[in-house]
PDB file of N, CA and C in Angstrom:
ATOM      1  N   UNK A   1       0.840  -1.169   0.000  1.00  0.00           N
ATOM      2  CA  UNK A   1       0.000   0.000   0.000  1.00  0.00           C
ATOM      3  C   UNK A   1       0.896   1.248   0.000  1.00  0.00           C
ATOM      4  N   UNK A   2       0.541   2.213  -0.809  1.00  0.00           N
ATOM      5  CA  UNK A   2       1.344   3.416  -0.962  1.00  0.00           C
ATOM      6  C   UNK A   2       0.693   4.586  -0.226  1.00  0.00           C
ATOM      7  N   UNK A   3       1.524   5.528   0.149  1.00  0.00           N
ATOM      8  CA  UNK A   3       1.018   6.769   0.709  1.00  0.00           C
ATOM      9  C   UNK A   3       0.418   7.606  -0.417  1.00  0.00           C
ATOM     10  N   UNK A   4      -0.647   8.328  -0.125  1.00  0.00           N
ATOM     11  CA  UNK A   4      -1.207   9.216  -1.132  1.00  0.00           C
ATOM     12  C   UNK A   4      -0.287  10.409  -1.358  1.00  0.00           C
ATOM     13  N   UNK A   5       0.256  10.927  -0.269  1.00  0.00           N
ATOM     14  CA  UNK A   5       1.194  12.041  -0.331  1.00  0.00           C
ATOM     15  C   UNK A   5       2.379  11.685   0.544  1.00  0.00           C
ATOM     16  N   UNK A   6       3.562  11.774  -0.003  1.00  0.00           N
ATOM     17  CA  UNK A   6       4.750  11.468   0.786  1.00  0.00           C
ATOM     18  C   UNK A   6       5.133  12.671   1.637  1.00  0.00           C
ATOM     19  N   UNK A   7       5.955  12.425   2.617  1.00  0.00           N
ATOM     20  CA  UNK A   7       6.420  13.504   3.476  1.00  0.00           C
ATOM     21  C   UNK A   7       7.210  14.536   2.676  1.00  0.00           C
ATOM     22  N   UNK A   8       7.988  14.073   1.728  1.00  0.00           N
ATOM     23  CA  UNK A   8       8.766  14.987   0.887  1.00  0.00           C
ATOM     24  C   UNK A   8       7.846  15.883   0.051  1.00  0.00           C
ATOM     25  N   UNK A   9       6.781  15.317  -0.506  1.00  0.00           N
ATOM     26  CA  UNK A   9       5.835  16.116  -1.280  1.00  0.00           C
ATOM     27  C   UNK A   9       5.170  17.176  -0.399  1.00  0.00           C
ATOM     28  N   UNK A  10       4.814  16.780   0.815  1.00  0.00           N
ATOM     29  CA  UNK A  10       4.185  17.719   1.733  1.00  0.00           C
ATOM     30  C   UNK A  10       5.152  18.831   2.120  1.00  0.00           C
ATOM     31  N   UNK A  11       6.403  18.479   2.350  1.00  0.00           N
ATOM     32  CA  UNK A  11       7.404  19.496   2.675  1.00  0.00           C
ATOM     33  C   UNK A  11       7.518  20.520   1.550  1.00  0.00           C
ATOM     34  N   UNK A  12       7.554  20.052   0.300  1.00  0.00           N
ATOM     35  CA  UNK A  12       7.650  20.971  -0.837  1.00  0.00           C
ATOM     36  C   UNK A  12       6.394  21.822  -0.973  1.00  0.00           C
ATOM     37  N   UNK A  13       5.234  21.236  -0.717  1.00  0.00           N
ATOM     38  CA  UNK A  13       3.981  21.988  -0.810  1.00  0.00           C
ATOM     39  C   UNK A  13       3.938  23.097   0.240  1.00  0.00           C
ATOM     40  N   UNK A  14       4.335  22.777   1.462  1.00  0.00           N
ATOM     41  CA  UNK A  14       4.322  23.775   2.528  1.00  0.00           C
ATOM     42  C   UNK A  14       5.372  24.857   2.255  1.00  0.00           C
ATOM     43  N   UNK A  15       6.537  24.459   1.754  1.00  0.00           N
ATOM     44  CA  UNK A  15       7.564  25.433   1.405  1.00  0.00           C
ATOM     45  C   UNK A  15       7.052  26.381   0.309  1.00  0.00           C
ATOM     46  N   UNK A  16       6.402  25.822  -0.690  1.00  0.00           N
ATOM     47  CA  UNK A  16       5.830  26.652  -1.756  1.00  0.00           C
ATOM     48  C   UNK A  16       4.792  27.624  -1.222  1.00  0.00           C
ATOM     49  N   UNK A  17       3.934  27.142  -0.319  1.00  0.00           N
ATOM     50  CA  UNK A  17       2.937  28.011   0.302  1.00  0.00           C
ATOM     51  C   UNK A  17       3.610  29.115   1.105  1.00  0.00           C
ATOM     52  N   UNK A  18       4.616  28.750   1.886  1.00  0.00           N
ATOM     53  CA  UNK A  18       5.297  29.739   2.728  1.00  0.00           C
ATOM     54  C   UNK A  18       5.958  30.833   1.888  1.00  0.00           C
ATOM     55  N   UNK A  19       6.492  30.460   0.753  1.00  0.00           N
ATOM     56  CA  UNK A  19       7.159  31.444  -0.109  1.00  0.00           C
ATOM     57  C   UNK A  19       6.144  32.287  -0.872  1.00  0.00           C
ATOM     58  N   UNK A  20       5.080  31.670  -1.339  1.00  0.00           N
ATOM     59  CA  UNK A  20       4.133  32.371  -2.217  1.00  0.00           C
ATOM     60  C   UNK A  20       3.030  33.114  -1.474  1.00  0.00           C
ATOM     61  N   UNK A  21       2.786  32.794  -0.211  1.00  0.00           N
ATOM     62  CA  UNK A  21       1.619  33.344   0.478  1.00  0.00           C
ATOM     63  C   UNK A  21       1.648  34.859   0.615  1.00  0.00           C
ATOM     64  N   UNK A  22       2.763  35.420   1.058  1.00  0.00           N
ATOM     65  CA  UNK A  22       2.808  36.875   1.266  1.00  0.00           C
ATOM     66  C   UNK A  22       2.612  37.650  -0.044  1.00  0.00           C
ATOM     67  N   UNK A  23       3.347  37.320  -1.123  1.00  0.00           N
ATOM     68  CA  UNK A  23       3.097  38.053  -2.371  1.00  0.00           C
ATOM     69  C   UNK A  23       1.677  37.847  -2.909  1.00  0.00           C
ATOM     70  N   UNK A  24       1.154  36.624  -2.786  1.00  0.00           N
ATOM     71  CA  UNK A  24      -0.204  36.372  -3.273  1.00  0.00           C
ATOM     72  C   UNK A  24      -1.240  37.118  -2.429  1.00  0.00           C
ATOM     73  N   UNK A  25      -1.033  37.153  -1.114  1.00  0.00           N
ATOM     74  CA  UNK A  25      -1.940  37.908  -0.251  1.00  0.00           C
ATOM     75  C   UNK A  25      -1.921  39.388  -0.566  1.00  0.00           C
ATOM     76  N   UNK A  26      -0.728  39.908  -0.801  1.00  0.00           N
ATOM     77  CA  UNK A  26      -0.598  41.325  -1.146  1.00  0.00           C
ATOM     78  C   UNK A  26      -1.243  41.615  -2.501  1.00  0.00           C
ATOM     79  N   UNK A  27      -1.018  40.743  -3.471  1.00  0.00           N
ATOM     80  CA  UNK A  27      -1.615  40.918  -4.792  1.00  0.00           C
ATOM     81  C   UNK A  27      -3.134  40.819  -4.720  1.00  0.00           C
ATOM     82  N   UNK A  28      -3.628  39.814  -4.007  1.00  0.00           N
ATOM     83  CA  UNK A  28      -5.081  39.680  -3.863  1.00  0.00           C
ATOM     84  C   UNK A  28      -5.690  40.864  -3.145  1.00  0.00           C
ATOM     85  N   UNK A  29      -5.017  41.339  -2.099  1.00  0.00           N
ATOM     86  CA  UNK A  29      -5.504  42.519  -1.389  1.00  0.00           C
ATOM     87  C   UNK A  29      -5.487  43.757  -2.261  1.00  0.00           C
ATOM     88  N   UNK A  30      -4.437  43.901  -3.087  1.00  0.00           N
ATOM     89  CA  UNK A  30      -4.347  45.055  -3.985  1.00  0.00           C
ATOM     90  C   UNK A  30      -5.467  45.026  -5.021  1.00  0.00           C
ATOM     91  N   UNK A  31      -5.739  43.845  -5.561  1.00  0.00           N
ATOM     92  CA  UNK A  31      -6.827  43.730  -6.540  1.00  0.00           C
ATOM     93  C   UNK A  31      -8.174  44.031  -5.901  1.00  0.00           C
ATOM     94  N   UNK A  32      -8.406  43.474  -4.710  1.00  0.00           N
ATOM     95  CA  UNK A  32      -9.670  43.730  -4.023  1.00  0.00           C
ATOM     96  C   UNK A  32      -9.801  45.203  -3.655  1.00  0.00           C
ATOM     97  N   UNK A  33      -8.695  45.820  -3.233  1.00  0.00           N
ATOM     98  CA  UNK A  33      -8.723  47.242  -2.875  1.00  0.00           C
ATOM     99  C   UNK A  33      -9.021  48.102  -4.097  1.00  0.00           C
ATOM    100  N   UNK A  34      -8.470  47.733  -5.246  1.00  0.00           N
ATOM    101  CA  UNK A  34      -8.710  48.502  -6.465  1.00  0.00           C
ATOM    102  C   UNK A  34     -10.158  48.372  -6.929  1.00  0.00           C
ATOM    103  N   UNK A  35     -10.694  47.168  -6.831  1.00  0.00           N
ATOM    104  CA  UNK A  35     -12.059  46.938  -7.296  1.00  0.00           C
ATOM    105  C   UNK A  35     -13.068  47.609  -6.364  1.00  0.00           C
ATOM    106  N   UNK A  36     -12.873  47.468  -5.075  1.00  0.00           N
ATOM    107  CA  UNK A  36     -13.849  47.982  -4.113  1.00  0.00           C
ATOM    108  C   UNK A  36     -13.532  49.378  -3.594  1.00  0.00           C
ATOM    109  N   UNK A  37     -12.409  49.938  -4.022  1.00  0.00           N
ATOM    110  CA  UNK A  37     -12.023  51.283  -3.600  1.00  0.00           C
ATOM    111  C   UNK A  37     -11.841  51.384  -2.079  1.00  0.00           C
ATOM    112  N   UNK A  38     -11.283  50.344  -1.487  1.00  0.00           N
ATOM    113  CA  UNK A  38     -11.028  50.344  -0.045  1.00  0.00           C
ATOM    114  C   UNK A  38      -9.584  49.950   0.203  1.00  0.00           C
ATOM    115  N   UNK A  39      -8.820  50.883   0.702  1.00  0.00           N
ATOM    116  CA  UNK A  39      -7.393  50.654   0.952  1.00  0.00           C
ATOM    117  C   UNK A  39      -7.160  49.600   2.031  1.00  0.00           C
ATOM    118  N   UNK A  40      -8.100  49.493   2.925  1.00  0.00           N
ATOM    119  CA  UNK A  40      -8.010  48.537   4.031  1.00  0.00           C
ATOM    120  C   UNK A  40      -7.839  47.104   3.516  1.00  0.00           C
ATOM    121  N   UNK A  41      -8.436  46.779   2.389  1.00  0.00           N
ATOM    122  CA  UNK A  41      -8.342  45.428   1.832  1.00  0.00           C
ATOM    123  C   UNK A  41      -6.911  45.065   1.458  1.00  0.00           C
ATOM    124  N   UNK A  42      -6.119  46.047   1.068  1.00  0.00           N
ATOM    125  CA  UNK A  42      -4.713  45.804   0.761  1.00  0.00           C
ATOM    126  C   UNK A  42      -3.991  45.284   2.001  1.00  0.00           C
ATOM    127  N   UNK A  43      -4.212  45.943   3.139  1.00  0.00           N
ATOM    128  CA  UNK A  43      -3.548  45.533   4.385  1.00  0.00           C
ATOM    129  C   UNK A  43      -4.077  44.192   4.882  1.00  0.00           C
ATOM    130  N   UNK A  44      -5.357  43.942   4.682  1.00  0.00           N
ATOM    131  CA  UNK A  44      -5.915  42.649   5.073  1.00  0.00           C
ATOM    132  C   UNK A  44      -5.311  41.526   4.242  1.00  0.00           C
ATOM    133  N   UNK A  45      -5.127  41.759   2.963  1.00  0.00           N
ATOM    134  CA  UNK A  45      -4.500  40.756   2.101  1.00  0.00           C
ATOM    135  C   UNK A  45      -3.066  40.482   2.519  1.00  0.00           C
ATOM    136  N   UNK A  46      -2.330  41.529   2.847  1.00  0.00           N
ATOM    137  CA  UNK A  46      -0.954  41.350   3.307  1.00  0.00           C
ATOM    138  C   UNK A  46      -0.920  40.584   4.624  1.00  0.00           C
ATOM    139  N   UNK A  47      -1.804  40.909   5.541  1.00  0.00           N
ATOM    140  CA  UNK A  47      -1.874  40.205   6.825  1.00  0.00           C
ATOM    141  C   UNK A  47      -2.117  38.713   6.608  1.00  0.00           C
ATOM    142  N   UNK A  48      -3.093  38.398   5.772  1.00  0.00           N
ATOM    143  CA  UNK A  48      -3.394  36.985   5.504  1.00  0.00           C
ATOM    144  C   UNK A  48      -2.230  36.294   4.809  1.00  0.00           C
ATOM    145  N   UNK A  49      -1.560  36.994   3.924  1.00  0.00           N
ATOM    146  CA  UNK A  49      -0.394  36.423   3.261  1.00  0.00           C
ATOM    147  C   UNK A  49       0.732  36.125   4.237  1.00  0.00           C
ATOM    148  N   UNK A  50       0.958  37.018   5.179  1.00  0.00           N
ATOM    149  CA  UNK A  50       2.002  36.787   6.179  1.00  0.00           C
ATOM    150  C   UNK A  50       1.640  35.628   7.105  1.00  0.00           C
ATOM    151  N   UNK A  51       0.367  35.512   7.431  1.00  0.00           N
ATOM    152  CA  UNK A  51      -0.077  34.361   8.227  1.00  0.00           C
ATOM    153  C   UNK A  51       0.166  33.076   7.433  1.00  0.00           C
ATOM    154  N   UNK A  52      -0.130  33.103   6.144  1.00  0.00           N
ATOM    155  CA  UNK A  52       0.129  31.937   5.292  1.00  0.00           C
ATOM    156  C   UNK A  52       1.604  31.584   5.242  1.00  0.00           C
ATOM    157  N   UNK A  53       2.456  32.592   5.251  1.00  0.00           N
ATOM    158  CA  UNK A  53       3.892  32.331   5.254  1.00  0.00           C
ATOM    159  C   UNK A  53       4.336  31.710   6.571  1.00  0.00           C
ATOM    160  N   UNK A  54       3.675  32.076   7.641  1.00  0.00           N
ATOM    161  CA  UNK A  54       3.994  31.498   8.949  1.00  0.00           C
ATOM    162  C   UNK A  54       3.660  30.021   9.052  1.00  0.00           C
ATOM    163  N   UNK A  55       2.831  29.530   8.152  1.00  0.00           N
ATOM    164  CA  UNK A  55       2.487  28.109   8.158  1.00  0.00           C
ATOM    165  C   UNK A  55       3.741  27.246   7.984  1.00  0.00           C
ATOM    166  N   UNK A  56       4.716  27.743   7.233  1.00  0.00           N
ATOM    167  CA  UNK A  56       5.957  26.991   7.043  1.00  0.00           C
ATOM    168  C   UNK A  56       6.676  26.746   8.356  1.00  0.00           C
ATOM    169  N   UNK A  57       6.741  27.757   9.205  1.00  0.00           N
ATOM    170  CA  UNK A  57       7.377  27.591  10.508  1.00  0.00           C
ATOM    171  C   UNK A  57       6.581  26.648  11.401  1.00  0.00           C
ATOM    172  N   UNK A  58       5.268  26.759  11.346  1.00  0.00           N
ATOM    173  CA  UNK A  58       4.432  25.860  12.146  1.00  0.00           C
ATOM    174  C   UNK A  58       4.564  24.411  11.686  1.00  0.00           C
ATOM    175  N   UNK A  59       4.724  24.212  10.398  1.00  0.00           N
ATOM    176  CA  UNK A  59       4.918  22.864   9.869  1.00  0.00           C
ATOM    177  C   UNK A  59       6.221  22.264  10.405  1.00  0.00           C
ATOM    178  N   UNK A  60       7.275  23.068  10.404  1.00  0.00           N
ATOM    179  CA  UNK A  60       8.546  22.580  10.941  1.00  0.00           C
ATOM    180  C   UNK A  60       8.424  22.236  12.421  1.00  0.00           C
ATOM    181  N   UNK A  61       7.720  23.063  13.170  1.00  0.00           N
ATOM    182  CA  UNK A  61       7.514  22.780  14.593  1.00  0.00           C
ATOM    183  C   UNK A  61       6.711  21.499  14.779  1.00  0.00           C
ATOM    184  N   UNK A  62       5.649  21.336  14.019  1.00  0.00           N
ATOM    185  CA  UNK A  62       4.829  20.127  14.117  1.00  0.00           C
ATOM    186  C   UNK A  62       5.642  18.886  13.769  1.00  0.00           C
ATOM    187  N   UNK A  63       6.414  18.970  12.691  1.00  0.00           N
ATOM    188  CA  UNK A  63       7.245  17.818  12.297  1.00  0.00           C
ATOM    189  C   UNK A  63       8.235  17.453  13.399  1.00  0.00           C
ATOM    190  N   UNK A  64       8.775  18.452  14.088  1.00  0.00           N
ATOM    191  CA  UNK A  64       9.718  18.187  15.163  1.00  0.00           C
ATOM    192  C   UNK A  64       9.023  17.531  16.357  1.00  0.00           C
ATOM    193  N   UNK A  65       7.795  17.960  16.671  1.00  0.00           N
ATOM    194  CA  UNK A  65       7.112  17.383  17.833  1.00  0.00           C
ATOM    195  C   UNK A  65       6.662  15.951  17.586  1.00  0.00           C
ATOM    196  N   UNK A  66       6.358  15.579  16.368  1.00  0.00           N
ATOM    197  CA  UNK A  66       5.870  14.224  16.094  1.00  0.00           C
ATOM    198  C   UNK A  66       6.942  13.327  15.482  1.00  0.00           C
ATOM    199  N   UNK A  67       8.187  13.743  15.590  1.00  0.00           N
ATOM    200  CA  UNK A  67       9.293  12.997  14.977  1.00  0.00           C
ATOM    201  C   UNK A  67       9.435  11.601  15.574  1.00  0.00           C
ATOM    202  N   UNK A  68      10.143  10.770  14.846  1.00  0.00           N
ATOM    203  CA  UNK A  68      10.500   9.430  15.311  1.00  0.00           C
ATOM    204  C   UNK A  68      12.018   9.410  15.475  1.00  0.00           C
ATOM    205  N   UNK A  69      12.466   9.162  16.703  1.00  0.00           N
ATOM    206  CA  UNK A  69      13.894   9.131  17.010  1.00  0.00           C
ATOM    207  C   UNK A  69      14.215   7.794  17.683  1.00  0.00           C
ATOM    208  N   UNK A  70      14.627   6.784  16.882  1.00  0.00           N
ATOM    209  CA  UNK A  70      14.869   5.457  17.455  1.00  0.00           C
ATOM    210  C   UNK A  70      16.002   5.439  18.484  1.00  0.00           C
ATOM    211  N   UNK A  71      16.995   6.293  18.324  1.00  0.00           N
ATOM    212  CA  UNK A  71      18.130   6.298  19.252  1.00  0.00           C
ATOM    213  C   UNK A  71      17.673   6.665  20.668  1.00  0.00           C
ATOM    214  N   UNK A  72      16.712   7.526  20.771  1.00  0.00           N
ATOM    215  CA  UNK A  72      16.214   7.947  22.091  1.00  0.00           C
ATOM    216  C   UNK A  72      14.878   7.309  22.433  1.00  0.00           C
ATOM    217  N   UNK A  73      14.431   6.415  21.597  1.00  0.00           N
ATOM    218  CA  UNK A  73      13.145   5.737  21.766  1.00  0.00           C
ATOM    219  C   UNK A  73      12.011   6.746  21.928  1.00  0.00           C
ATOM    220  N   UNK A  74      11.998   7.717  21.038  1.00  0.00           N
ATOM    221  CA  UNK A  74      10.985   8.767  21.073  1.00  0.00           C
ATOM    222  C   UNK A  74      10.137   8.680  19.816  1.00  0.00           C
ATOM    223  N   UNK A  75       8.842   8.541  20.001  1.00  0.00           N
ATOM    224  CA  UNK A  75       7.888   8.570  18.893  1.00  0.00           C
ATOM    225  C   UNK A  75       6.797   9.563  19.285  1.00  0.00           C
ATOM    226  N   UNK A  76       6.881  10.743  18.730  1.00  0.00           N
ATOM    227  CA  UNK A  76       5.987  11.822  19.132  1.00  0.00           C
ATOM    228  C   UNK A  76       4.519  11.566  18.870  1.00  0.00           C
ATOM    229  N   UNK A  77       4.207  10.832  17.807  1.00  0.00           N
ATOM    230  CA  UNK A  77       2.800  10.574  17.495  1.00  0.00           C
ATOM    231  C   UNK A  77       2.118   9.703  18.539  1.00  0.00           C
ATOM    232  N   UNK A  78       2.872   8.937  19.304  1.00  0.00           N
ATOM    233  CA  UNK A  78       2.300   8.027  20.289  1.00  0.00           C
ATOM    234  C   UNK A  78       2.183   8.646  21.670  1.00  0.00           C
ATOM    235  N   UNK A  79       2.524   9.887  21.817  1.00  0.00           N
ATOM    236  CA  UNK A  79       2.504  10.526  23.135  1.00  0.00           C
ATOM    237  C   UNK A  79       1.313  11.488  23.239  1.00  0.00           C
ATOM    238  N   UNK A  80       0.398  11.216  24.165  1.00  0.00           N
ATOM    239  CA  UNK A  80      -0.758  12.110  24.322  1.00  0.00           C
ATOM    240  C   UNK A  80      -0.354  13.537  24.688  1.00  0.00           C
ATOM    241  N   UNK A  81       0.742  13.696  25.427  1.00  0.00           N
ATOM    242  CA  UNK A  81       1.201  15.031  25.797  1.00  0.00           C
ATOM    243  C   UNK A  81       1.603  15.857  24.590  1.00  0.00           C
ATOM    244  N   UNK A  82       2.180  15.185  23.600  1.00  0.00           N
ATOM    245  CA  UNK A  82       2.569  15.889  22.368  1.00  0.00           C
ATOM    246  C   UNK A  82       1.319  16.360  21.632  1.00  0.00           C
ATOM    247  N   UNK A  83       0.335  15.496  21.513  1.00  0.00           N
ATOM    248  CA  UNK A  83      -0.914  15.867  20.852  1.00  0.00           C
ATOM    249  C   UNK A  83      -1.594  17.013  21.600  1.00  0.00           C
ATOM    250  N   UNK A  84      -1.681  16.900  22.916  1.00  0.00           N
ATOM    251  CA  UNK A  84      -2.315  17.953  23.712  1.00  0.00           C
ATOM    252  C   UNK A  84      -1.552  19.275  23.576  1.00  0.00           C
ATOM    253  N   UNK A  85      -0.235  19.209  23.606  1.00  0.00           N
ATOM    254  CA  UNK A  85       0.573  20.421  23.454  1.00  0.00           C
ATOM    255  C   UNK A  85       0.376  21.072  22.105  1.00  0.00           C
ATOM    256  N   UNK A  86       0.324  20.255  21.048  1.00  0.00           N
ATOM    257  CA  UNK A  86       0.083  20.801  19.708  1.00  0.00           C
ATOM    258  C   UNK A  86      -1.295  21.441  19.614  1.00  0.00           C
ATOM    259  N   UNK A  87      -2.295  20.781  20.174  1.00  0.00           N
ATOM    260  CA  UNK A  87      -3.654  21.336  20.140  1.00  0.00           C
ATOM    261  C   UNK A  87      -3.698  22.666  20.880  1.00  0.00           C
ATOM    262  N   UNK A  88      -3.124  22.708  22.073  1.00  0.00           N
ATOM    263  CA  UNK A  88      -3.126  23.955  22.857  1.00  0.00           C
ATOM    264  C   UNK A  88      -2.388  25.053  22.097  1.00  0.00           C
ATOM    265  N   UNK A  89      -1.218  24.728  21.554  1.00  0.00           N
ATOM    266  CA  UNK A  89      -0.439  25.719  20.818  1.00  0.00           C
ATOM    267  C   UNK A  89      -1.226  26.292  19.642  1.00  0.00           C
ATOM    268  N   UNK A  90      -1.828  25.418  18.844  1.00  0.00           N
ATOM    269  CA  UNK A  90      -2.521  25.885  17.646  1.00  0.00           C
ATOM    270  C   UNK A  90      -3.819  26.621  17.987  1.00  0.00           C
ATOM    271  N   UNK A  91      -4.507  26.216  19.040  1.00  0.00           N
ATOM    272  CA  UNK A  91      -5.708  26.942  19.460  1.00  0.00           C
ATOM    273  C   UNK A  91      -5.325  28.333  19.957  1.00  0.00           C
ATOM    274  N   UNK A  92      -4.287  28.411  20.803  1.00  0.00           N
ATOM    275  CA  UNK A  92      -3.852  29.720  21.303  1.00  0.00           C
ATOM    276  C   UNK A  92      -3.357  30.615  20.172  1.00  0.00           C
ATOM    277  N   UNK A  93      -2.644  30.024  19.233  1.00  0.00           N
ATOM    278  CA  UNK A  93      -2.170  30.803  18.091  1.00  0.00           C
ATOM    279  C   UNK A  93      -3.344  31.321  17.256  1.00  0.00           C
ATOM    280  N   UNK A  94      -4.335  30.490  17.045  1.00  0.00           N
ATOM    281  CA  UNK A  94      -5.530  30.916  16.309  1.00  0.00           C
ATOM    282  C   UNK A  94      -6.284  32.018  17.036  1.00  0.00           C
ATOM    283  N   UNK A  95      -6.424  31.883  18.348  1.00  0.00           N
ATOM    284  CA  UNK A  95      -7.081  32.930  19.129  1.00  0.00           C
ATOM    285  C   UNK A  95      -6.285  34.232  19.083  1.00  0.00           C
ATOM    286  N   UNK A  96      -4.969  34.120  19.180  1.00  0.00           N
ATOM    287  CA  UNK A  96      -4.122  35.309  19.129  1.00  0.00           C
ATOM    288  C   UNK A  96      -4.199  36.008  17.784  1.00  0.00           C
ATOM    289  N   UNK A  97      -4.189  35.239  16.716  1.00  0.00           N
ATOM    290  CA  UNK A  97      -4.292  35.846  15.384  1.00  0.00           C
ATOM    291  C   UNK A  97      -5.669  36.460  15.168  1.00  0.00           C
ATOM    292  N   UNK A  98      -6.702  35.807  15.695  1.00  0.00           N
ATOM    293  CA  UNK A  98      -8.044  36.386  15.603  1.00  0.00           C
ATOM    294  C   UNK A  98      -8.146  37.690  16.368  1.00  0.00           C
ATOM    295  N   UNK A  99      -7.548  37.732  17.552  1.00  0.00           N
ATOM    296  CA  UNK A  99      -7.538  38.958  18.347  1.00  0.00           C
ATOM    297  C   UNK A  99      -6.778  40.064  17.610  1.00  0.00           C
ATOM    298  N   UNK A 100      -5.617  39.705  17.055  1.00  0.00           N
ATOM    299  CA  UNK A 100      -4.814  40.683  16.331  1.00  0.00           C
ATOM    300  C   UNK A 100      -5.566  41.214  15.107  1.00  0.00           C
ATOM    301  N   UNK A 101      -6.258  40.332  14.395  1.00  0.00           N
ATOM    302  CA  UNK A 101      -7.051  40.742  13.230  1.00  0.00           C
ATOM    303  C   UNK A 101      -8.129  41.739  13.665  1.00  0.00           C
ATOM    304  N   UNK A 102      -8.793  41.418  14.760  1.00  0.00           N
ATOM    305  CA  UNK A 102      -9.872  42.279  15.242  1.00  0.00           C
ATOM    306  C   UNK A 102      -9.337  43.652  15.674  1.00  0.00           C
ATOM    307  N   UNK A 103      -8.161  43.670  16.289  1.00  0.00           N
ATOM    308  CA  UNK A 103      -7.550  44.939  16.708  1.00  0.00           C
ATOM    309  C   UNK A 103      -7.081  45.756  15.496  1.00  0.00           C
ATOM    310  N   UNK A 104      -6.476  45.080  14.526  1.00  0.00           N
ATOM    311  CA  UNK A 104      -5.949  45.775  13.353  1.00  0.00           C
ATOM    312  C   UNK A 104      -7.059  46.220  12.409  1.00  0.00           C
ATOM    313  N   UNK A 105      -8.121  45.435  12.317  1.00  0.00           N
ATOM    314  CA  UNK A 105      -9.206  45.719  11.369  1.00  0.00           C
ATOM    315  C   UNK A 105     -10.550  45.628  12.073  1.00  0.00           C
ATOM    316  N   UNK A 106     -10.859  46.617  12.910  1.00  0.00           N
ATOM    317  CA  UNK A 106     -12.156  46.575  13.609  1.00  0.00           C
ATOM    318  C   UNK A 106     -13.308  46.602  12.605  1.00  0.00           C
ATOM    319  N   UNK A 107     -14.411  45.975  12.954  1.00  0.00           N
ATOM    320  CA  UNK A 107     -15.548  45.966  12.021  1.00  0.00           C
ATOM    321  C   UNK A 107     -16.028  47.385  11.730  1.00  0.00           C
ATOM    322  N   UNK A 108     -16.367  47.616  10.481  1.00  0.00           N
ATOM    323  CA  UNK A 108     -16.865  48.923  10.080  1.00  0.00           C
ATOM    324  C   UNK A 108     -18.370  48.836   9.899  1.00  0.00           C
ATOM    325  N   UNK A 109     -19.025  49.905  10.258  1.00  0.00           N
ATOM    326  CA  UNK A 109     -20.468  49.928  10.072  1.00  0.00           C
ATOM    327  C   UNK A 109     -20.776  50.142   8.592  1.00  0.00           C
ATOM    328  N   UNK A 110     -21.784  49.445   8.132  1.00  0.00           N
ATOM    329  CA  UNK A 110     -22.149  49.601   6.711  1.00  0.00           C
ATOM    330  C   UNK A 110     -22.809  50.956   6.485  1.00  0.00           C
ATOM    331  N   UNK A 111     -22.545  51.497   5.336  1.00  0.00           N
ATOM    332  CA  UNK A 111     -23.108  52.810   4.984  1.00  0.00           C
ATOM    333  C   UNK A 111     -24.385  52.596   4.177  1.00  0.00           C
ATOM    334  N   UNK A 112     -25.510  52.884   4.800  1.00  0.00           N
ATOM    335  CA  UNK A 112     -26.800  52.688   4.114  1.00  0.00           C
ATOM    336  C   UNK A 112     -27.407  53.965   3.679  1.00  0.00           C
TER     337      UNK A 112
END
């Protein structure tokens, strides 16, 4: 039985995302800002692009926590503490980014 996606393929995909996310976010934000005449969309696109670039670092951290190290008899995927730590880290990071988004881009009232 074969893997659908190998670890090497996933590494390249995440690397590609990390490199392309910021320019694509900025480009998408610039296009949206031009179409809708709202400069704020440019900054929102850049913010999302930078968050996308941060996924590369998070992937490296995740790979390190779930690594298999036979010399030290460490298998991260089999440890509940590793799973719990990853869940807590990613939930806190998501909450922090949501808070930062809300602070940087407070909701605007619609103009009727």
